[in-house]
N, C-alpha and C. Protein backbone atom coordinates (compact mmCIF):
# COMPACT_ATOMS: atom_id res chain seq x y z
N MET A 1 203.36 150.94 159.37
CA MET A 1 202.20 151.93 159.44
C MET A 1 202.07 152.72 160.52
N GLN A 2 202.35 152.24 161.81
CA GLN A 2 202.30 152.82 163.10
C GLN A 2 203.30 154.12 162.98
N GLU A 3 204.37 153.82 162.40
CA GLU A 3 205.58 154.81 162.31
C GLU A 3 205.00 155.88 161.65
N THR A 4 204.40 155.51 160.35
CA THR A 4 203.97 156.64 159.48
C THR A 4 202.88 157.54 160.05
N VAL A 5 201.99 156.88 160.62
CA VAL A 5 200.88 157.68 161.08
C VAL A 5 201.42 158.50 162.37
N GLY A 6 202.28 158.14 163.27
CA GLY A 6 202.76 158.73 164.30
C GLY A 6 203.58 159.88 163.81
N HIS A 7 204.22 159.63 162.78
CA HIS A 7 205.22 160.48 162.01
C HIS A 7 204.51 161.82 161.62
N ILE A 8 203.24 161.73 161.39
CA ILE A 8 202.49 162.89 160.77
C ILE A 8 201.64 163.45 161.94
N SER A 9 201.05 162.73 162.80
CA SER A 9 200.11 163.31 163.75
C SER A 9 200.73 163.65 165.05
N GLN A 10 201.70 163.27 165.50
CA GLN A 10 202.58 163.23 166.75
C GLN A 10 203.21 164.64 166.73
N PRO A 11 202.91 165.89 167.26
CA PRO A 11 203.61 166.95 167.41
C PRO A 11 205.11 166.84 168.07
N GLY A 12 205.16 166.01 169.03
CA GLY A 12 206.30 165.73 169.67
C GLY A 12 207.48 165.20 168.87
N GLU A 13 207.09 164.45 167.77
CA GLU A 13 207.94 163.94 166.81
C GLU A 13 208.49 164.75 165.74
N SER A 14 208.20 166.11 165.67
CA SER A 14 208.66 166.82 164.67
C SER A 14 210.04 166.99 164.25
N LEU A 15 210.86 166.72 165.34
CA LEU A 15 212.53 166.74 165.18
C LEU A 15 212.98 165.47 164.40
N GLN A 16 211.99 164.52 164.29
CA GLN A 16 212.33 163.13 163.54
C GLN A 16 211.70 163.11 162.16
N GLN A 17 211.01 164.20 161.79
CA GLN A 17 210.51 164.08 160.52
C GLN A 17 211.51 164.15 159.56
N SER A 18 211.33 163.53 158.48
CA SER A 18 211.95 163.34 157.11
C SER A 18 212.30 164.91 156.59
N PRO A 19 213.42 165.22 155.81
CA PRO A 19 213.49 166.30 155.18
C PRO A 19 212.37 166.67 154.26
N PHE A 20 211.75 165.73 153.58
CA PHE A 20 210.70 165.86 152.58
C PHE A 20 209.57 166.58 153.33
N ILE A 21 209.02 165.74 154.40
CA ILE A 21 207.89 166.35 155.35
C ILE A 21 208.20 167.64 155.89
N LEU A 22 209.25 167.73 156.26
CA LEU A 22 209.60 169.21 156.83
C LEU A 22 209.45 170.35 155.86
N THR A 23 210.12 169.88 154.40
CA THR A 23 209.84 170.96 153.51
C THR A 23 208.58 171.26 153.08
N MET A 24 207.85 170.11 153.16
CA MET A 24 206.40 170.40 152.72
C MET A 24 205.51 171.11 153.73
N ASN A 25 205.92 170.89 154.91
CA ASN A 25 205.16 171.65 156.05
C ASN A 25 205.71 173.22 155.97
N ILE A 26 206.82 173.55 155.58
CA ILE A 26 207.29 174.89 155.48
C ILE A 26 206.60 175.54 154.13
N ILE A 27 206.53 174.76 153.17
CA ILE A 27 205.82 175.26 151.92
C ILE A 27 204.27 175.50 152.20
N ASN A 28 203.72 174.67 152.91
CA ASN A 28 202.29 174.79 153.38
C ASN A 28 202.13 176.17 154.22
N THR A 29 202.97 176.20 154.97
CA THR A 29 202.99 177.59 155.92
C THR A 29 203.12 178.77 155.02
N ILE A 30 204.12 178.74 154.33
CA ILE A 30 204.30 180.00 153.39
C ILE A 30 203.02 180.19 152.57
N THR A 31 202.49 179.16 152.16
CA THR A 31 201.21 179.29 151.09
C THR A 31 200.21 179.93 152.09
N HIS A 32 199.79 179.60 153.35
CA HIS A 32 198.98 180.29 154.12
C HIS A 32 199.38 181.72 154.31
N ILE A 33 200.65 182.12 154.50
CA ILE A 33 201.02 183.55 154.74
C ILE A 33 200.88 184.15 153.39
N MET A 34 201.07 183.59 152.37
CA MET A 34 200.84 184.32 151.06
C MET A 34 199.31 184.65 150.95
N LEU A 35 198.50 183.63 151.07
CA LEU A 35 197.21 183.79 150.97
C LEU A 35 196.56 184.83 151.78
N GLY A 36 196.89 184.80 153.01
CA GLY A 36 196.71 185.96 154.02
C GLY A 36 197.03 187.27 153.53
N GLY A 37 198.14 187.32 152.89
CA GLY A 37 198.80 188.62 152.45
C GLY A 37 197.70 189.17 151.42
N VAL A 38 197.48 188.25 150.45
CA VAL A 38 196.61 188.40 149.20
C VAL A 38 195.11 189.02 149.79
N ALA A 39 194.51 188.16 150.75
CA ALA A 39 193.22 188.62 151.21
C ALA A 39 193.21 189.88 152.00
N PHE A 40 194.28 190.06 152.84
CA PHE A 40 194.46 191.35 153.44
C PHE A 40 194.64 192.44 152.59
N GLY A 41 195.45 192.47 151.39
CA GLY A 41 195.50 193.56 150.55
C GLY A 41 194.42 193.98 149.85
N ALA A 42 193.58 192.73 149.54
CA ALA A 42 192.23 192.96 148.81
C ALA A 42 191.34 193.85 149.74
N ILE A 43 191.03 193.32 150.76
CA ILE A 43 190.07 193.73 151.95
C ILE A 43 190.41 195.13 152.17
N TYR A 44 191.78 195.36 152.49
CA TYR A 44 192.00 196.65 152.79
C TYR A 44 191.89 197.81 151.64
N PHE A 45 192.00 197.30 150.44
CA PHE A 45 191.73 198.16 149.27
C PHE A 45 190.20 198.43 149.17
N ALA A 46 189.41 197.41 149.51
CA ALA A 46 187.93 197.46 149.45
C ALA A 46 187.42 198.55 150.63
N ASN A 47 188.17 198.55 151.68
CA ASN A 47 187.83 199.55 152.64
C ASN A 47 188.20 200.90 152.21
N LEU A 48 189.05 201.20 151.37
CA LEU A 48 189.30 202.61 150.83
C LEU A 48 188.20 203.01 149.94
N ILE A 49 187.59 202.13 149.28
CA ILE A 49 186.44 202.53 148.33
C ILE A 49 185.32 203.12 149.16
N ILE A 50 184.86 204.21 148.53
CA ILE A 50 183.55 204.98 149.30
C ILE A 50 182.44 204.61 148.33
N GLU A 51 182.49 204.74 147.25
CA GLU A 51 181.38 204.45 146.25
C GLU A 51 182.00 203.78 145.14
N PRO A 52 181.25 202.94 144.31
CA PRO A 52 179.91 202.35 144.80
C PRO A 52 179.96 201.30 145.85
N ASN A 53 179.03 201.16 146.65
CA ASN A 53 179.02 200.08 147.80
C ASN A 53 179.16 198.66 146.93
N GLU A 54 178.54 198.29 145.74
CA GLU A 54 178.59 197.23 145.10
C GLU A 54 179.93 196.75 144.75
N VAL A 55 180.76 197.60 144.61
CA VAL A 55 182.34 197.00 144.19
C VAL A 55 182.79 196.71 145.44
N LYS A 56 182.50 197.36 146.59
CA LYS A 56 182.92 196.91 147.96
C LYS A 56 182.56 195.43 148.19
N GLN A 57 181.15 195.22 147.94
CA GLN A 57 180.62 194.00 148.20
C GLN A 57 181.23 192.74 147.41
N HIS A 58 181.43 193.22 146.07
CA HIS A 58 181.92 192.27 145.09
C HIS A 58 183.26 191.91 145.59
N ILE A 59 184.07 192.68 146.20
CA ILE A 59 185.62 192.28 146.52
C ILE A 59 185.40 191.50 147.85
N TYR A 60 184.71 191.98 148.82
CA TYR A 60 184.45 191.10 150.15
C TYR A 60 184.14 189.88 149.74
N CYS A 61 182.91 189.66 148.81
CA CYS A 61 182.40 188.25 148.78
C CYS A 61 183.33 187.23 147.89
N CYS A 62 184.11 187.87 146.79
CA CYS A 62 185.00 187.09 146.17
C CYS A 62 186.22 186.64 146.81
N VAL A 63 186.77 187.75 147.50
CA VAL A 63 188.16 187.42 148.30
C VAL A 63 187.62 186.49 149.36
N ILE A 64 186.54 186.60 150.28
CA ILE A 64 186.25 185.65 151.21
C ILE A 64 185.74 184.12 150.69
N GLY A 65 185.20 184.32 149.53
CA GLY A 65 184.67 182.98 148.80
C GLY A 65 185.99 182.16 148.36
N TYR A 66 186.66 182.80 147.41
CA TYR A 66 187.63 182.20 146.70
C TYR A 66 189.01 182.07 147.46
N VAL A 67 189.53 183.22 148.10
CA VAL A 67 190.85 183.25 148.42
C VAL A 67 190.94 182.50 149.84
N ILE A 68 189.90 182.86 150.57
CA ILE A 68 189.84 182.29 151.98
C ILE A 68 189.19 180.98 152.12
N LEU A 69 188.01 180.65 151.93
CA LEU A 69 187.37 179.64 151.98
C LEU A 69 187.56 178.40 150.99
N MET A 70 187.45 178.75 149.87
CA MET A 70 187.70 177.60 148.81
C MET A 70 189.19 177.26 148.83
N ALA A 71 190.16 178.22 148.96
CA ALA A 71 191.56 177.81 148.81
C ALA A 71 191.79 176.90 150.08
N GLN A 72 191.15 177.15 151.37
CA GLN A 72 191.37 176.35 152.45
C GLN A 72 190.67 175.06 152.38
N ALA A 73 189.72 174.90 151.53
CA ALA A 73 188.80 173.81 151.46
C ALA A 73 189.68 172.85 150.76
N ILE A 74 190.56 173.40 149.78
CA ILE A 74 191.50 172.50 148.96
C ILE A 74 192.69 172.08 149.89
N LEU A 75 193.27 173.18 150.76
CA LEU A 75 194.18 172.82 151.46
C LEU A 75 194.05 171.76 152.87
N ALA A 76 192.76 171.88 153.08
CA ALA A 76 192.21 170.83 153.96
C ALA A 76 192.44 169.38 153.92
N MET A 77 192.50 168.94 152.40
CA MET A 77 192.86 167.58 152.21
C MET A 77 194.22 167.29 151.97
N ASN A 78 195.10 168.44 152.04
CA ASN A 78 196.53 168.29 151.96
C ASN A 78 197.15 167.55 153.34
N PRO A 79 197.72 166.44 153.28
CA PRO A 79 198.33 165.62 154.35
C PRO A 79 199.30 166.55 155.36
N TYR A 80 199.91 167.72 154.62
CA TYR A 80 200.76 168.48 155.38
C TYR A 80 200.26 169.77 155.89
N ASN A 81 198.93 169.93 155.72
CA ASN A 81 198.22 171.10 156.17
C ASN A 81 198.29 171.19 157.66
N SER A 82 198.75 172.40 158.21
CA SER A 82 198.77 172.66 159.65
C SER A 82 197.57 172.42 160.42
N TRP A 83 196.55 173.03 160.10
CA TRP A 83 195.21 172.76 161.08
C TRP A 83 194.36 171.47 160.77
N SER A 84 194.61 170.81 159.66
CA SER A 84 193.68 169.59 159.46
C SER A 84 194.53 168.47 159.47
N ASN A 85 195.65 168.34 159.65
CA ASN A 85 196.30 167.02 159.74
C ASN A 85 196.18 166.22 160.94
N ILE A 86 195.54 166.97 161.85
CA ILE A 86 195.31 166.05 163.05
C ILE A 86 193.79 165.33 162.99
N LEU A 87 193.22 165.85 162.01
CA LEU A 87 191.81 165.44 161.96
C LEU A 87 191.78 163.91 161.04
N LEU A 88 190.51 163.11 161.40
CA LEU A 88 190.56 162.10 160.69
C LEU A 88 190.18 162.24 159.16
N HIS A 89 190.22 161.37 158.24
CA HIS A 89 190.01 161.51 156.76
C HIS A 89 188.53 162.14 156.60
N GLN A 90 187.60 161.45 157.29
CA GLN A 90 186.34 161.65 157.04
C GLN A 90 186.05 163.17 157.77
N ASP A 91 186.58 163.59 158.60
CA ASP A 91 186.38 164.83 159.21
C ASP A 91 187.18 165.94 158.31
N LYS A 92 188.11 165.58 157.59
CA LYS A 92 188.76 166.25 156.51
C LYS A 92 187.69 166.74 155.54
N LYS A 93 187.06 165.52 155.15
CA LYS A 93 186.01 165.74 153.82
C LYS A 93 184.84 166.59 154.14
N ILE A 94 184.41 166.51 155.72
CA ILE A 94 183.36 167.21 156.04
C ILE A 94 183.73 168.75 155.92
N CYS A 95 184.97 169.03 156.42
CA CYS A 95 185.56 170.42 156.64
C CYS A 95 185.57 170.84 155.05
N HIS A 96 186.10 170.02 154.12
CA HIS A 96 186.13 170.46 152.85
C HIS A 96 184.93 170.80 152.11
N TRP A 97 183.93 169.76 152.51
CA TRP A 97 182.54 170.25 151.78
C TRP A 97 181.91 171.56 152.35
N VAL A 98 182.01 171.68 153.73
CA VAL A 98 181.39 172.85 154.14
C VAL A 98 181.96 174.10 153.68
N MET A 99 183.40 174.05 153.76
CA MET A 99 184.04 175.39 153.25
C MET A 99 183.83 175.42 151.68
N GLN A 100 183.69 174.40 150.95
CA GLN A 100 183.63 174.59 149.50
C GLN A 100 182.50 175.06 149.18
N ILE A 101 181.18 174.66 149.80
CA ILE A 101 179.92 175.09 149.59
C ILE A 101 179.73 176.42 150.03
N LEU A 102 180.15 176.84 151.26
CA LEU A 102 180.06 178.29 151.76
C LEU A 102 180.76 179.22 150.82
N GLY A 103 182.00 178.75 150.62
CA GLY A 103 182.74 179.58 149.63
C GLY A 103 182.27 179.81 148.44
N SER A 104 181.72 178.69 147.77
CA SER A 104 181.19 178.89 146.29
C SER A 104 180.00 179.68 146.42
N ILE A 105 179.10 179.69 147.43
CA ILE A 105 177.95 180.63 147.58
C ILE A 105 178.24 182.05 147.50
N ILE A 106 179.18 182.25 148.60
CA ILE A 106 179.70 183.62 148.78
C ILE A 106 180.38 184.25 147.43
N ALA A 107 181.27 183.47 146.78
CA ALA A 107 181.98 183.89 145.67
C ALA A 107 180.89 184.12 144.61
N LEU A 108 179.84 183.27 144.33
CA LEU A 108 178.72 183.48 143.27
C LEU A 108 178.11 184.68 143.53
N ALA A 109 177.77 184.86 144.93
CA ALA A 109 177.02 186.16 145.31
C ALA A 109 177.70 187.40 144.97
N GLY A 110 179.13 187.44 145.07
CA GLY A 110 179.99 188.48 144.69
C GLY A 110 179.97 188.79 143.22
N GLY A 111 179.97 187.69 142.36
CA GLY A 111 179.99 187.85 140.94
C GLY A 111 178.45 188.56 140.56
N ILE A 112 177.44 187.88 141.08
CA ILE A 112 176.14 188.26 140.64
C ILE A 112 175.97 189.71 141.00
N ILE A 113 176.46 190.25 142.03
CA ILE A 113 176.48 191.72 142.62
C ILE A 113 177.02 192.50 141.63
N GLN A 114 178.18 192.10 141.10
CA GLN A 114 178.98 192.95 140.03
C GLN A 114 178.24 192.92 138.85
N ILE A 115 177.67 191.90 138.41
CA ILE A 115 176.83 191.74 137.17
C ILE A 115 175.73 192.40 137.14
N THR A 116 174.98 192.56 138.15
CA THR A 116 173.62 193.19 138.21
C THR A 116 173.68 194.58 138.45
N ASN A 117 174.76 195.18 138.83
CA ASN A 117 174.91 196.60 139.05
C ASN A 117 175.74 197.20 137.95
N ARG A 118 176.24 196.49 136.90
CA ARG A 118 177.13 197.11 135.97
C ARG A 118 176.52 197.00 134.67
N ASN A 119 177.14 197.70 133.59
CA ASN A 119 176.65 197.49 132.23
C ASN A 119 177.35 196.05 131.87
N ILE A 120 176.45 195.00 131.55
CA ILE A 120 177.05 193.67 131.21
C ILE A 120 177.90 193.78 129.95
N ILE A 121 177.49 194.42 128.93
CA ILE A 121 178.36 194.34 127.74
C ILE A 121 179.72 195.04 128.11
N ARG A 122 179.88 196.14 128.72
CA ARG A 122 181.05 196.91 129.20
C ARG A 122 181.85 196.05 130.11
N HIS A 123 181.32 195.33 131.04
CA HIS A 123 182.02 194.74 132.01
C HIS A 123 182.68 193.35 131.37
N PHE A 124 181.85 192.68 130.61
CA PHE A 124 182.52 191.39 129.81
C PHE A 124 183.45 191.83 128.49
N SER A 125 183.64 193.06 128.34
CA SER A 125 184.66 193.32 127.38
C SER A 125 186.03 193.56 127.99
N THR A 126 186.04 193.22 129.19
CA THR A 126 187.47 193.23 129.96
C THR A 126 187.85 191.91 130.16
N ALA A 127 189.16 191.59 130.51
CA ALA A 127 189.63 190.17 130.67
C ALA A 127 189.26 190.01 132.20
N HIS A 128 189.35 190.82 133.06
CA HIS A 128 188.80 190.46 134.35
C HIS A 128 187.46 190.10 134.29
N GLY A 129 186.48 190.67 133.74
CA GLY A 129 185.10 190.29 133.61
C GLY A 129 185.00 188.98 132.93
N VAL A 130 185.62 188.63 131.93
CA VAL A 130 185.42 187.37 131.30
C VAL A 130 186.12 186.26 132.06
N LEU A 131 187.08 186.49 132.63
CA LEU A 131 187.75 185.56 133.73
C LEU A 131 186.79 185.23 134.85
N GLY A 132 186.19 186.34 135.24
CA GLY A 132 185.35 186.28 136.43
C GLY A 132 184.01 185.27 136.03
N LEU A 133 183.54 185.63 134.89
CA LEU A 133 182.32 184.84 134.54
C LEU A 133 182.85 183.30 134.31
N ILE A 134 183.99 183.08 133.60
CA ILE A 134 184.47 181.51 133.51
C ILE A 134 184.75 180.96 135.01
N ALA A 135 185.07 181.93 135.91
CA ALA A 135 185.24 181.46 137.19
C ALA A 135 183.89 181.07 137.99
N MET A 136 182.91 181.91 137.73
CA MET A 136 181.58 181.49 138.19
C MET A 136 180.90 180.37 137.61
N ILE A 137 181.20 180.13 136.25
CA ILE A 137 180.58 178.99 135.57
C ILE A 137 181.26 177.73 136.16
N LEU A 138 182.64 177.84 136.16
CA LEU A 138 183.40 176.59 136.63
C LEU A 138 182.91 176.43 138.31
N THR A 139 182.62 177.22 138.99
CA THR A 139 182.19 177.09 140.33
C THR A 139 180.90 176.28 140.44
N VAL A 140 180.18 176.74 139.57
CA VAL A 140 178.70 175.84 139.59
C VAL A 140 179.07 174.46 139.29
N LEU A 141 179.90 174.33 138.09
CA LEU A 141 180.36 172.83 137.71
C LEU A 141 180.85 172.24 138.82
N SER A 142 181.82 172.79 139.57
CA SER A 142 182.61 172.11 140.69
C SER A 142 181.45 171.67 141.83
N LEU A 143 180.48 172.53 142.07
CA LEU A 143 179.65 172.10 142.97
C LEU A 143 178.80 170.85 142.56
N VAL A 144 178.39 170.84 141.45
CA VAL A 144 177.68 169.65 140.77
C VAL A 144 178.53 168.48 140.79
N GLY A 145 179.68 168.76 140.48
CA GLY A 145 180.88 167.57 140.54
C GLY A 145 180.97 167.09 141.82
N GLY A 146 181.07 167.91 142.94
CA GLY A 146 181.13 167.55 144.25
C GLY A 146 180.02 166.72 144.67
N VAL A 147 178.75 167.09 144.17
CA VAL A 147 177.58 166.27 144.73
C VAL A 147 177.77 164.86 143.96
N PHE A 148 178.16 164.68 142.71
CA PHE A 148 178.40 163.54 141.98
C PHE A 148 179.58 162.62 142.76
N ASN A 149 180.47 163.36 143.21
CA ASN A 149 181.77 162.58 143.83
C ASN A 149 181.36 162.06 145.23
N ILE A 150 180.38 162.74 145.90
CA ILE A 150 179.92 162.32 146.97
C ILE A 150 179.07 160.97 146.95
N TYR A 151 178.11 160.98 145.93
CA TYR A 151 177.36 159.94 145.78
C TYR A 151 177.52 159.02 144.39
N SER A 152 178.88 159.07 144.02
CA SER A 152 179.16 158.34 142.92
C SER A 152 179.18 156.92 142.86
N SER A 153 179.32 156.34 144.34
CA SER A 153 179.38 154.86 144.37
C SER A 153 177.88 154.49 144.53
N ARG A 154 177.11 155.23 144.95
CA ARG A 154 175.55 154.78 145.06
C ARG A 154 174.87 155.02 143.70
N LEU A 155 175.58 155.82 142.88
CA LEU A 155 174.97 156.03 141.52
C LEU A 155 175.73 155.16 140.42
N ARG A 156 176.58 154.26 141.00
CA ARG A 156 177.23 153.24 140.26
C ARG A 156 178.20 154.07 139.13
N LEU A 157 178.76 155.09 139.42
CA LEU A 157 179.62 155.61 138.39
C LEU A 157 181.04 155.30 138.84
N ASN A 158 181.85 155.66 137.93
CA ASN A 158 183.37 155.40 137.97
C ASN A 158 183.83 156.20 139.20
N VAL A 159 184.05 155.78 140.42
CA VAL A 159 184.44 156.63 141.35
C VAL A 159 185.94 157.49 141.04
N THR A 160 186.75 156.74 140.53
CA THR A 160 188.17 157.45 140.31
C THR A 160 188.01 158.43 139.12
N LEU A 161 187.16 158.16 138.02
CA LEU A 161 187.04 159.21 137.02
C LEU A 161 186.37 160.39 137.66
N VAL A 162 185.34 160.20 138.42
CA VAL A 162 184.39 161.10 139.00
C VAL A 162 185.41 162.17 139.91
N ARG A 163 186.31 161.42 140.75
CA ARG A 163 187.05 162.17 141.74
C ARG A 163 188.12 163.02 140.76
N ILE A 164 188.67 162.39 139.80
CA ILE A 164 189.61 163.25 138.87
C ILE A 164 189.02 164.34 138.27
N CYS A 165 187.81 164.30 137.81
CA CYS A 165 187.10 165.32 137.30
C CYS A 165 186.64 166.48 138.15
N HIS A 166 186.42 166.17 139.51
CA HIS A 166 185.92 166.98 140.45
C HIS A 166 187.28 167.88 140.91
N MET A 167 188.29 167.04 141.07
CA MET A 167 189.54 167.78 141.55
C MET A 167 190.17 168.77 140.29
N THR A 168 190.03 168.27 139.17
CA THR A 168 190.46 169.08 138.14
C THR A 168 189.74 170.26 137.83
N LEU A 169 188.15 170.37 138.22
CA LEU A 169 187.35 171.39 138.06
C LEU A 169 187.74 172.48 139.28
N GLY A 170 187.89 171.82 140.57
CA GLY A 170 188.32 172.47 141.55
C GLY A 170 189.60 173.40 141.37
N CYS A 171 190.53 172.82 140.70
CA CYS A 171 191.91 173.54 140.46
C CYS A 171 191.65 174.64 139.35
N LEU A 172 190.74 174.38 138.28
CA LEU A 172 190.51 175.54 137.36
C LEU A 172 189.69 176.58 138.05
N VAL A 173 188.97 176.29 138.92
CA VAL A 173 188.22 177.31 139.62
C VAL A 173 189.06 178.23 140.36
N ILE A 174 190.03 177.72 141.06
CA ILE A 174 190.89 178.55 141.73
C ILE A 174 191.88 179.37 140.79
N ILE A 175 192.35 178.58 139.81
CA ILE A 175 193.25 179.18 138.97
C ILE A 175 192.79 180.39 138.34
N THR A 176 191.41 180.30 137.94
CA THR A 176 190.76 181.25 137.10
C THR A 176 190.40 182.43 137.95
N ALA A 177 189.87 182.10 139.10
CA ALA A 177 189.56 183.24 140.13
C ALA A 177 190.89 184.10 140.28
N PHE A 178 191.91 183.31 140.68
CA PHE A 178 193.05 184.01 140.91
C PHE A 178 193.70 184.83 139.90
N LEU A 179 193.60 184.42 138.67
CA LEU A 179 193.93 185.13 137.53
C LEU A 179 193.20 186.43 137.38
N ALA A 180 191.88 186.27 137.49
CA ALA A 180 190.97 187.41 137.46
C ALA A 180 191.22 188.44 138.62
N LEU A 181 191.75 187.91 139.71
CA LEU A 181 192.17 188.69 140.78
C LEU A 181 193.52 189.36 140.70
N CYS A 182 194.33 188.83 139.91
CA CYS A 182 195.74 189.37 139.45
C CYS A 182 195.19 190.50 138.40
N LEU A 183 194.27 190.53 137.54
CA LEU A 183 194.11 191.54 136.60
C LEU A 183 193.40 192.56 137.57
N ALA A 184 192.61 192.21 138.34
CA ALA A 184 192.17 193.45 139.10
C ALA A 184 193.27 194.13 140.04
N PHE A 185 194.35 193.58 140.36
CA PHE A 185 195.32 194.09 141.08
C PHE A 185 196.18 194.90 140.04
N HIS A 186 196.23 194.27 138.81
CA HIS A 186 197.02 195.23 137.81
C HIS A 186 196.41 196.42 137.31
N ILE A 187 195.03 196.28 137.11
CA ILE A 187 194.22 197.51 136.62
C ILE A 187 193.86 198.49 137.55
N VAL A 188 193.36 198.02 138.56
CA VAL A 188 192.59 198.93 139.49
C VAL A 188 193.56 199.47 140.75
N TYR A 189 194.06 198.24 141.32
CA TYR A 189 194.92 198.26 142.49
C TYR A 189 196.20 199.12 142.24
N ARG A 190 196.82 198.84 141.09
CA ARG A 190 198.05 199.59 140.60
C ARG A 190 197.80 201.04 140.62
N ALA A 191 196.66 201.44 139.94
CA ALA A 191 196.20 203.02 140.02
C ALA A 191 196.26 203.68 140.99
N VAL A 192 195.87 202.98 142.18
CA VAL A 192 195.43 203.62 143.42
C VAL A 192 196.71 203.45 144.54
N MET A 193 197.05 202.30 144.62
CA MET A 193 198.15 201.94 145.73
C MET A 193 199.67 201.87 145.12
N GLY A 194 199.72 201.97 143.93
CA GLY A 194 201.25 202.22 143.35
C GLY A 194 201.62 201.03 142.79
N ASN A 195 202.73 200.86 141.89
CA ASN A 195 203.37 199.71 141.26
C ASN A 195 203.73 198.73 142.32
N ALA A 196 204.65 199.08 143.05
CA ALA A 196 205.21 198.17 144.16
C ALA A 196 204.21 197.12 144.82
N ASN A 197 203.13 197.93 145.42
CA ASN A 197 202.13 197.17 146.02
C ASN A 197 201.39 196.31 145.09
N ALA A 198 200.92 196.81 144.07
CA ALA A 198 200.24 195.86 143.11
C ALA A 198 201.11 194.79 142.62
N THR A 199 202.53 194.88 142.33
CA THR A 199 203.36 193.82 141.89
C THR A 199 203.50 192.98 142.96
N LEU A 200 203.58 193.36 144.16
CA LEU A 200 203.84 192.45 145.32
C LEU A 200 202.53 191.48 145.39
N LEU A 201 201.39 192.10 145.46
CA LEU A 201 200.21 191.22 145.48
C LEU A 201 199.89 190.33 144.48
N ILE A 202 200.35 190.71 143.10
CA ILE A 202 200.20 189.72 141.97
C ILE A 202 201.07 188.65 142.07
N ALA A 203 202.44 189.00 142.65
CA ALA A 203 203.39 188.00 142.80
C ALA A 203 202.83 186.91 144.00
N LEU A 204 202.35 187.40 145.09
CA LEU A 204 201.76 186.53 145.97
C LEU A 204 200.56 185.66 145.70
N THR A 205 199.75 186.36 144.73
CA THR A 205 198.64 185.68 144.34
C THR A 205 199.03 184.32 143.50
N VAL A 206 200.09 184.65 142.62
CA VAL A 206 200.62 183.69 141.51
C VAL A 206 201.27 182.51 142.34
N LEU A 207 202.13 182.93 143.25
CA LEU A 207 202.98 182.01 144.13
C LEU A 207 202.13 181.25 144.88
N SER A 208 201.03 181.53 145.42
CA SER A 208 200.11 180.96 146.40
C SER A 208 199.57 179.76 145.62
N LEU A 209 199.29 179.86 144.20
CA LEU A 209 198.72 178.79 143.28
C LEU A 209 199.83 177.50 143.39
N TYR A 210 200.99 177.60 143.68
CA TYR A 210 201.85 176.57 143.58
C TYR A 210 201.89 175.82 145.04
């Protein structure tokens, strides 16, 4: 057990890591780079928009909420994550809760901004709007599931079942939100920034899910 713990937490032992651990560390690093590229591309595009301000706010909130905070909240529990693997498990859980709650609130705010400032019927006639609504609903359910996950033992619930449901909801939230982002890149970003840039960001968005 001591060898395993030291194997993960001791930076000086990086040369002694198994090929599997080294591969997982590389994949995790690449995931961070891709997420950073997606966030940068979306925020850069938002800065080019002059009017309406609601669209800029929608992009800022959804990108910060889903791509930055909520994605990092999931990665925080990954044993191969670069910034959280030195933390104790309890500290990882606290980081996960804080980023998940903040990300959910900011992302929901971004969705509400878009809904309240556009024609609802027209907005939800698009695939992007429908997926965005589904992502918002799943985000709320994920927050509720997180509360049940925290207090499952006190409420005498099946801890394993609650945890599986919570993780499943979390994955569905990210998948749905990222698919909505891909559609935004395809429809709006492509028309302004060109095919090559839009295709690149769609590819980065899809690959970062893996």
